[in-house]
Protein backbone atom coordinates (compact mmCIF):
# COMPACT_ATOMS: atom_id res chain seq x y z
CA MET A 1 -34.91 16.11 50.64
CA PRO A 2 -34.16 12.46 51.54
CA ARG A 3 -34.05 10.07 48.56
CA SER A 4 -34.44 6.33 48.20
CA TRP A 5 -31.27 4.28 47.78
CA ARG A 6 -32.67 3.26 44.38
CA THR A 7 -32.71 6.88 43.26
CA LYS A 8 -29.19 7.40 44.64
CA LEU A 9 -27.97 4.66 42.30
CA ILE A 10 -28.90 6.95 39.38
CA HIS A 11 -28.44 10.39 41.00
CA PRO A 12 -25.49 10.15 43.43
CA ASP A 13 -24.19 13.09 45.48
CA VAL A 14 -20.57 11.94 45.32
CA GLU A 15 -18.00 14.70 44.84
CA LEU A 16 -14.39 14.19 43.73
CA PRO A 17 -11.41 16.53 44.17
CA GLU A 18 -10.56 18.61 41.10
CA GLY A 19 -7.20 18.87 39.36
CA TYR A 20 -6.50 15.26 38.38
CA ARG A 21 -4.28 14.98 35.29
CA SER A 22 -2.98 11.88 33.56
CA LEU A 23 -0.59 11.16 30.73
CA VAL A 24 -3.36 9.02 29.20
CA PRO A 25 -6.48 10.68 27.71
CA PRO A 26 -9.53 9.41 29.59
CA VAL A 27 -12.18 7.25 27.93
CA TYR A 28 -15.49 9.11 27.86
CA ARG A 29 -18.36 6.73 27.13
CA GLY A 30 -21.78 8.20 26.63
CA SER A 31 -24.67 8.78 24.29
CA THR A 32 -26.58 11.55 26.08
CA THR A 33 -25.01 14.94 26.74
CA VAL A 34 -26.54 16.88 29.63
CA PHE A 35 -27.21 20.57 28.99
CA PRO A 36 -27.03 23.23 31.72
CA SER A 37 -30.44 24.68 30.82
CA SER A 38 -33.26 24.31 28.30
CA ALA A 39 -32.06 27.48 26.60
CA LYS A 40 -28.75 25.75 25.83
CA LEU A 41 -30.40 22.67 24.27
CA ARG A 42 -29.40 22.20 20.62
CA ASP A 43 -28.74 19.57 17.95
CA ASP A 44 -25.70 20.51 15.87
CA TRP A 45 -22.81 18.29 14.80
CA ARG A 46 -20.29 21.18 14.92
CA GLN A 47 -19.07 20.46 18.44
CA HIS A 48 -15.89 22.49 17.93
CA GLU A 49 -18.07 25.56 17.43
CA VAL A 50 -21.13 24.95 19.64
CA GLY A 51 -19.87 22.65 22.39
CA TRP A 52 -20.91 19.14 23.35
CA VAL A 53 -24.26 18.04 21.91
CA TYR A 54 -24.68 14.28 21.54
CA GLY A 55 -22.54 11.16 21.74
CA LEU A 56 -23.19 10.38 18.07
CA TYR A 57 -20.95 13.31 17.12
CA GLY A 58 -18.14 12.17 19.41
CA THR A 59 -17.16 12.26 23.05
CA PRO A 60 -13.98 14.06 24.20
CA THR A 61 -12.06 10.81 23.57
CA ALA A 62 -13.07 10.78 19.91
CA LEU A 63 -12.38 14.47 19.38
CA GLU A 64 -8.96 14.07 20.99
CA LEU A 65 -8.10 11.37 18.43
CA ALA A 66 -9.59 13.39 15.57
CA GLY A 67 -7.56 16.43 16.56
CA ARG A 68 -4.34 14.43 16.71
CA VAL A 69 -4.95 12.88 13.27
CA ALA A 70 -5.67 16.32 11.77
CA GLU A 71 -2.47 17.65 13.33
CA LEU A 72 -0.46 14.68 12.03
CA GLU A 73 -1.78 15.12 8.48
CA GLY A 74 -1.69 18.92 8.45
CA GLY A 75 -5.42 19.25 7.78
CA PHE A 76 -8.19 21.59 8.95
CA ARG A 77 -10.40 19.06 10.75
CA THR A 78 -10.80 15.28 10.94
CA PHE A 79 -13.95 13.18 11.16
CA LEU A 80 -13.91 9.67 12.60
CA VAL A 81 -16.01 6.83 11.20
CA PRO A 82 -16.40 3.10 12.04
CA GLY A 83 -13.85 1.86 9.46
CA GLY A 84 -11.89 2.58 6.32
CA GLN A 85 -14.75 1.55 4.04
CA SER A 86 -17.09 3.90 5.94
CA ALA A 87 -14.66 6.74 5.24
CA LEU A 88 -14.67 6.01 1.51
CA ALA A 89 -18.47 5.89 1.46
CA LEU A 90 -18.76 9.15 3.40
CA ILE A 91 -16.51 11.05 1.00
CA ASN A 92 -18.26 9.75 -2.10
CA LEU A 93 -21.75 10.44 -0.75
CA ALA A 94 -20.79 13.92 0.47
CA LEU A 95 -19.03 15.11 -2.69
CA LEU A 96 -21.05 13.45 -5.48
CA ARG A 97 -24.63 13.66 -6.68
CA GLU A 98 -26.75 12.29 -9.50
CA GLY A 99 -25.43 13.04 -12.99
CA GLU A 100 -21.85 13.68 -11.88
CA HIS A 101 -18.68 11.81 -12.85
CA VAL A 102 -15.96 10.31 -10.65
CA LEU A 103 -12.56 8.96 -11.73
CA ILE A 104 -11.11 6.06 -9.73
CA PRO A 105 -7.74 4.29 -10.21
CA ASP A 106 -8.08 0.74 -11.47
CA SER A 107 -5.78 -0.43 -8.66
CA ILE A 108 -8.26 0.73 -6.01
CA TYR A 109 -9.02 -1.22 -2.83
CA SER A 110 -11.60 -3.78 -4.01
CA PRO A 111 -14.41 -2.82 -1.57
CA HIS A 112 -14.13 0.73 -2.96
CA ARG A 113 -14.77 -0.68 -6.44
CA GLN A 114 -17.81 -2.50 -5.08
CA LEU A 115 -19.03 0.74 -3.50
CA ALA A 116 -18.73 2.51 -6.84
CA ASP A 117 -20.26 -0.23 -8.96
CA ASP A 118 -23.08 -1.27 -6.63
CA LEU A 119 -24.02 1.96 -4.84
CA LEU A 120 -22.84 5.07 -6.65
CA ARG A 121 -24.04 3.85 -10.05
CA ARG A 122 -27.44 3.07 -8.51
CA PHE A 123 -27.64 6.71 -7.41
CA GLY A 124 -26.88 7.97 -10.91
CA VAL A 125 -23.16 8.70 -10.53
CA THR A 126 -20.96 7.79 -13.51
CA CYS A 127 -17.90 5.87 -12.28
CA GLU A 128 -14.89 5.49 -14.57
CA TYR A 129 -11.63 3.66 -13.83
CA TYR A 130 -8.26 4.92 -15.01
CA PRO A 131 -4.75 3.40 -15.18
CA PRO A 132 -3.05 4.31 -11.88
CA THR A 133 0.16 5.39 -13.62
CA ILE A 134 -1.61 7.80 -15.98
CA GLY A 135 -0.33 10.99 -14.31
CA ALA A 136 -1.17 14.17 -16.24
CA GLY A 137 -2.66 11.99 -18.98
CA ILE A 138 -5.81 11.89 -16.89
CA GLU A 139 -6.75 15.12 -18.66
CA ALA A 140 -8.07 13.01 -21.54
CA LEU A 141 -10.63 11.41 -19.19
CA VAL A 142 -12.05 14.41 -17.34
CA ARG A 143 -15.50 15.67 -18.36
CA ASP A 144 -17.61 18.71 -17.67
CA GLN A 145 -19.41 16.59 -15.06
CA THR A 146 -16.24 15.36 -13.32
CA ARG A 147 -16.49 16.39 -9.66
CA LEU A 148 -14.17 13.97 -7.89
CA VAL A 149 -10.88 12.22 -8.70
CA TRP A 150 -9.65 9.47 -6.39
CA CYS A 151 -6.05 8.44 -5.76
CA GLU A 152 -4.68 5.47 -3.85
CA SER A 153 -0.90 5.53 -3.81
CA PRO A 154 0.57 2.98 -3.67
CA GLY A 155 -2.24 0.69 -4.75
CA SER A 156 -2.98 -1.74 -1.94
CA ILE A 157 -2.38 -4.86 -4.07
CA THR A 158 -0.35 -4.03 -7.17
CA MET A 159 1.44 -1.14 -5.41
CA GLU A 160 1.59 1.37 -8.29
CA VAL A 161 2.79 4.77 -7.06
CA GLN A 162 0.71 7.57 -8.55
CA ASP A 163 1.82 11.02 -9.70
CA VAL A 164 -0.61 12.71 -7.34
CA PRO A 165 0.54 16.32 -7.95
CA ALA A 166 0.06 15.93 -11.73
CA ILE A 167 -3.40 14.39 -11.25
CA ALA A 168 -4.40 17.08 -8.75
CA GLU A 169 -3.32 19.88 -11.07
CA VAL A 170 -5.56 18.57 -13.86
CA ALA A 171 -8.49 17.93 -11.52
CA HIS A 172 -8.38 21.40 -9.98
CA ARG A 173 -8.19 23.01 -13.40
CA VAL A 174 -11.62 21.57 -14.21
CA GLY A 175 -13.08 22.26 -10.77
CA ALA A 176 -12.94 18.71 -9.42
CA LYS A 177 -11.94 17.70 -5.90
CA VAL A 178 -9.13 15.22 -5.25
CA ALA A 179 -9.58 12.59 -2.54
CA MET A 180 -6.88 10.15 -1.52
CA ASP A 181 -6.67 6.95 0.47
CA ASN A 182 -3.40 7.58 2.29
CA THR A 183 -3.47 4.53 4.56
CA TYR A 184 -0.17 3.15 3.21
CA SER A 185 1.82 6.13 4.50
CA ALA A 186 -0.01 6.29 7.88
CA GLY A 187 -0.48 9.97 7.11
CA VAL A 188 3.22 10.70 7.69
CA TYR A 189 5.31 9.29 4.82
CA PHE A 190 3.32 11.13 2.15
CA ASP A 191 2.08 14.70 2.76
CA ALA A 192 -1.15 14.52 0.79
CA PHE A 193 -2.23 18.13 1.32
CA ALA A 194 1.16 19.47 0.25
CA HIS A 195 0.80 17.46 -2.97
CA GLY A 196 -2.58 18.91 -3.93
CA VAL A 197 -5.12 16.59 -2.29
CA ASP A 198 -8.34 18.13 -0.89
CA VAL A 199 -9.69 15.27 1.26
CA VAL A 200 -7.56 12.53 2.85
CA THR A 201 -8.72 9.26 4.34
CA GLN A 202 -6.99 6.55 6.34
CA ALA A 203 -8.04 3.21 7.73
CA LEU A 204 -6.92 3.85 11.31
CA THR A 205 -7.49 0.12 11.72
CA LYS A 206 -4.03 -0.37 10.25
CA TYR A 207 -0.93 1.59 11.27
CA ILE A 208 -2.38 4.00 13.82
CA GLY A 209 -4.30 1.21 15.58
CA GLY A 210 -1.33 -1.01 14.94
CA HIS A 211 -2.40 -4.15 16.81
CA SER A 212 -5.27 -5.63 14.75
CA ASP A 213 -7.79 -5.05 17.54
CA LEU A 214 -9.91 -2.10 16.39
CA LEU A 215 -11.87 -0.80 13.40
CA LEU A 216 -11.75 2.94 12.67
CA GLY A 217 -11.47 5.27 9.71
CA SER A 218 -10.65 8.97 9.38
CA VAL A 219 -11.57 11.69 6.90
CA THR A 220 -9.45 14.85 7.04
CA VAL A 221 -10.34 17.99 5.08
CA ARG A 222 -8.23 20.87 3.88
CA ASP A 223 -10.76 23.68 4.34
CA ALA A 224 -13.98 24.81 6.00
CA ALA A 225 -16.15 24.30 2.89
CA ASP A 226 -15.45 20.56 2.73
CA TYR A 227 -15.76 20.42 6.52
CA GLU A 228 -19.37 21.59 6.15
CA ARG A 229 -20.23 19.26 3.25
CA ILE A 230 -18.78 16.17 4.85
CA GLY A 231 -19.91 16.96 8.38
CA SER A 232 -23.55 17.45 7.39
CA THR A 233 -23.49 14.18 5.44
CA LEU A 234 -21.93 12.37 8.38
CA GLN A 235 -24.70 13.62 10.66
CA THR A 236 -27.34 12.34 8.25
CA LEU A 237 -25.72 8.93 7.90
CA GLY A 238 -25.39 8.56 11.67
CA MET A 239 -21.93 6.96 11.67
CA ALA A 240 -20.70 6.75 15.25
CA VAL A 241 -17.38 5.48 16.65
CA SER A 242 -16.60 3.67 19.87
CA PRO A 243 -14.68 5.73 22.45
CA ASP A 244 -12.94 2.51 23.48
CA ASP A 245 -11.64 2.03 19.94
CA CYS A 246 -10.57 5.69 19.92
CA SER A 247 -8.67 5.11 23.15
CA LEU A 248 -6.82 2.15 21.60
CA ALA A 249 -5.96 4.28 18.55
CA LEU A 250 -4.64 7.07 20.79
CA ARG A 251 -2.41 4.52 22.48
CA GLY A 252 -1.28 3.22 19.09
CA MET A 253 -0.27 6.71 17.97
CA GLN A 254 2.26 6.92 20.81
CA THR A 255 4.29 4.04 19.37
CA LEU A 256 3.65 4.78 15.68
CA GLY A 257 7.09 6.29 15.10
CA VAL A 258 9.10 3.36 16.43
CA ARG A 259 6.78 0.78 14.85
CA LEU A 260 6.99 2.36 11.39
CA ALA A 261 10.80 2.49 11.56
CA ALA A 262 11.02 -1.17 12.55
CA LEU A 263 8.44 -2.26 9.98
CA GLU A 264 10.20 -0.40 7.17
CA ALA A 265 13.58 -1.99 7.92
CA SER A 266 12.22 -5.53 8.28
CA THR A 267 10.01 -5.29 5.20
CA LEU A 268 12.83 -4.10 3.01
CA GLN A 269 15.00 -6.98 4.21
CA VAL A 270 12.30 -9.54 3.42
CA ALA A 271 11.41 -7.94 0.07
CA GLN A 272 15.02 -7.80 -1.08
CA TRP A 273 15.50 -11.46 -0.16
CA LEU A 274 12.43 -12.43 -2.19
CA ALA A 275 13.73 -10.37 -5.13
CA GLY A 276 16.67 -12.75 -5.38
CA ARG A 277 14.54 -15.91 -5.55
CA GLU A 278 14.15 -17.66 -8.89
CA GLU A 279 10.46 -18.40 -8.20
CA ILE A 280 9.65 -14.67 -8.09
CA ALA A 281 9.15 -12.66 -11.28
CA THR A 282 8.66 -9.23 -9.68
CA VAL A 283 8.67 -7.74 -6.21
CA LEU A 284 6.13 -4.93 -6.00
CA HIS A 285 7.55 -2.80 -3.19
CA PRO A 286 7.58 0.99 -3.79
CA ALA A 287 11.14 1.37 -2.50
CA LEU A 288 12.47 -1.13 -5.07
CA PRO A 289 13.08 -0.18 -8.73
CA SER A 290 10.91 -3.13 -9.85
CA CYS A 291 7.75 -1.39 -8.59
CA PRO A 292 5.75 0.79 -11.03
CA GLY A 293 6.20 4.42 -10.03
CA HIS A 294 9.35 3.85 -7.97
CA GLU A 295 10.86 7.14 -9.18
CA ILE A 296 7.74 9.01 -8.07
CA TRP A 297 7.98 7.28 -4.68
CA ARG A 298 11.55 8.55 -4.33
CA ARG A 299 10.41 12.07 -5.25
CA ASP A 300 7.30 12.34 -3.06
CA PHE A 301 7.57 9.90 -0.13
CA THR A 302 9.78 10.00 2.95
CA GLY A 303 9.56 6.30 3.80
CA SER A 304 7.99 2.94 3.08
CA THR A 305 5.85 0.70 5.26
CA SER A 306 5.03 -2.96 5.79
CA VAL A 307 2.84 -4.08 2.88
CA PHE A 308 4.03 -5.27 -0.53
CA SER A 309 3.24 -7.92 -3.12
CA VAL A 310 5.21 -10.43 -5.17
CA GLU A 311 4.39 -11.82 -8.59
CA PHE A 312 5.43 -15.42 -9.15
CA ARG A 313 6.83 -16.60 -12.45
CA PRO A 314 4.00 -17.30 -14.92
CA GLU A 315 4.80 -21.01 -15.24
CA ILE A 316 4.15 -21.57 -11.51
CA ARG A 317 0.51 -22.61 -11.21
CA ARG A 318 -1.75 -20.74 -8.82
CA SER A 319 -2.46 -23.98 -6.97
CA ARG A 320 1.27 -24.26 -6.15
CA VAL A 321 1.31 -20.64 -4.95
CA ARG A 322 -1.59 -21.44 -2.62
CA SER A 323 0.46 -24.37 -1.32
CA PHE A 324 3.29 -21.91 -0.62
CA VAL A 325 0.98 -19.68 1.44
CA ASP A 326 -0.52 -22.66 3.29
CA ALA A 327 2.95 -23.91 4.25
CA LEU A 328 3.91 -20.68 6.05
CA GLU A 329 3.85 -20.75 9.85
CA LEU A 330 4.75 -17.16 10.73
CA PHE A 331 2.46 -15.58 8.12
CA PRO A 332 -1.18 -16.27 9.06
CA ILE A 333 -3.62 -15.94 6.16
CA GLY A 334 -5.81 -12.89 6.60
CA TRP A 335 -6.92 -9.58 5.17
CA SER A 336 -5.74 -6.20 6.38
CA TRP A 337 -2.21 -5.11 7.24
CA GLY A 338 -0.31 -2.65 9.39
CA GLY A 339 -0.33 -4.71 12.59
CA VAL A 340 2.50 -6.33 14.52
CA THR A 341 1.84 -9.80 13.05
CA SER A 342 3.01 -10.78 9.59
CA LEU A 343 0.32 -11.87 7.11
CA ALA A 344 0.20 -13.45 3.66
CA VAL A 345 -2.73 -13.74 1.29
CA PRO A 346 -2.97 -14.87 -2.36
CA VAL A 347 -4.79 -12.17 -4.31
CA ASN A 348 -6.36 -11.72 -7.70
CA PRO A 349 -4.95 -8.49 -9.10
CA PRO A 350 -7.32 -5.94 -10.64
CA ARG A 351 -7.26 -5.56 -14.40
CA THR A 352 -5.43 -2.30 -14.96
CA ALA A 353 -7.12 -0.20 -17.65
CA GLY A 354 -5.19 -0.44 -20.91
CA GLU A 355 -2.52 -2.71 -19.41
CA GLY A 356 -4.22 -6.08 -18.81
CA ARG A 357 -3.73 -8.40 -15.86
CA ARG A 358 -0.38 -9.59 -14.52
CA ALA A 359 0.61 -12.99 -15.88
CA GLY A 360 1.85 -14.55 -12.64
CA ALA A 361 0.04 -15.28 -9.41
CA LEU A 362 0.26 -12.59 -6.73
CA VAL A 363 0.76 -12.88 -2.98
CA ARG A 364 0.48 -9.83 -0.74
CA PHE A 365 2.51 -9.69 2.46
CA ASN A 366 2.33 -7.65 5.60
CA VAL A 367 5.58 -7.84 7.51
CA GLY A 368 5.19 -7.49 11.25
CA LEU A 369 7.56 -7.14 14.18
CA GLU A 370 8.90 -10.69 14.16
CA ASP A 371 12.63 -11.17 13.61
CA PRO A 372 13.15 -10.85 9.83
CA ALA A 373 15.60 -13.77 9.86
CA ASP A 374 12.82 -16.01 11.17
CA LEU A 375 10.41 -14.68 8.55
CA ILE A 376 12.91 -15.40 5.76
CA ALA A 377 13.48 -18.93 7.06
CA ASP A 378 9.71 -19.47 7.05
CA LEU A 379 9.44 -18.19 3.48
CA GLU A 380 12.20 -20.59 2.46
CA VAL A 381 10.13 -23.47 3.81
CA GLY A 382 7.09 -22.19 1.93
CA LEU A 383 8.99 -21.97 -1.35
CA ARG A 384 10.02 -25.59 -0.98
CA ALA A 385 6.31 -26.46 -1.03
CA ILE A 386 6.16 -25.08 -4.56
CA ARG A 387 8.88 -27.49 -5.69
CA ALA A 388 7.42 -30.47 -3.78
């Protein structure tokens, strides 16, 4: 029957030829999925099993990215969330309940500490921090109520490399799950599942996104049981991701290999130059012997990436270190890392359980894709500001 032009704006009769294929995955935007009949109507987050249900659980663009991350990490399935912190919250809320105990490395990403102290404790979860280099010694800290052990290796500020297989062996012996923030390795330089981890998270914001223009996180599980626990929690929390951000991450994955190779080479060049400077007490880069856990890094990792920290000599005041950072032109001051632009930020290191705080001021660097010779020249200018 004839329809008004206003109706045709919403219900067009346009038909397109079939068979179009592109090298680039299309961007599917949408909240409402249309069902073929009322008998097919359902509300179930398991879109791999039941088909498309609702945009909250992901459009084909999101599931394409999730599938590629799971394949990269060697996991069963991957969930996508709005950011790295969302991924940490999802895992904790899915795997812990009132009265249970979680062990967290003292070097953990600081918003994760805030999540534990401000949220998990409020819900009756006992949160305990352990020295990141404890290895198998973590057995002394596990309890009957321990249900989850976190690893972050290397630590995102003080860069300690953890003995993840030793920690996982102890945790599994007492029936606890092991979760790991594997953002540093981009899911490729450390095979978390092969080393005993049960649930792996990344901030896709960093290396997979790669250009500082999106916010995404991933949670990848080893088996179907954790897939059910985490998926049902994700549905309840209602965390949705933007298909446009997923499209940018898919594009970033295509250049991840060449970017990581370039970042590794440039970062090592800059870190080794800083190691020879008299102002620097210690360079905390996992590939250098000065970094805690370097031997474990050599055993378990297949490469290094772009983030590392330096500790200045104790007699150099923190105000002078801030002057150093302010004097840099090619290292903007900003959080995050993993993008193409170098960054520098003065940081307050966490107090490592049983080891105290580092004596000298710390600066964390992200080395980008600039020419390393230019970055070193810029650092030389910054170091002069300390002596000024």
